[in-house]
Amino acid sequence: MVIDIVALVLVIIGALNWGSIGIFSFDLVSWICGGSGTLAARIIYVLVALAGIWCISLIFKVKEEDQRAEVHPV
């Protein structure tokens, strides 16, 4: 699904941003948006958080697909 791909891309962006914060003490999103308190930065942070919540459902999708494959081998 398209929403799954968009969510994964946003989670990857968030992970890279957290990595840059942890390694370099540099918040890329904040830098691009002109500060962490700006509306644009807050929107990006919220979208990344929502994408992370959405990706929780992907864990269960994989388990369901694995179970279907075991029951009905191709």
Foldseek 3Di string as FASTA:
>chain_A
DVLLVVLVVLLVVVVVQVVCCVPVVDRPLQVVQVGCPDPSNVVSVVSNVVSVVVCVVVVVVVVVVVVVCVVPPD
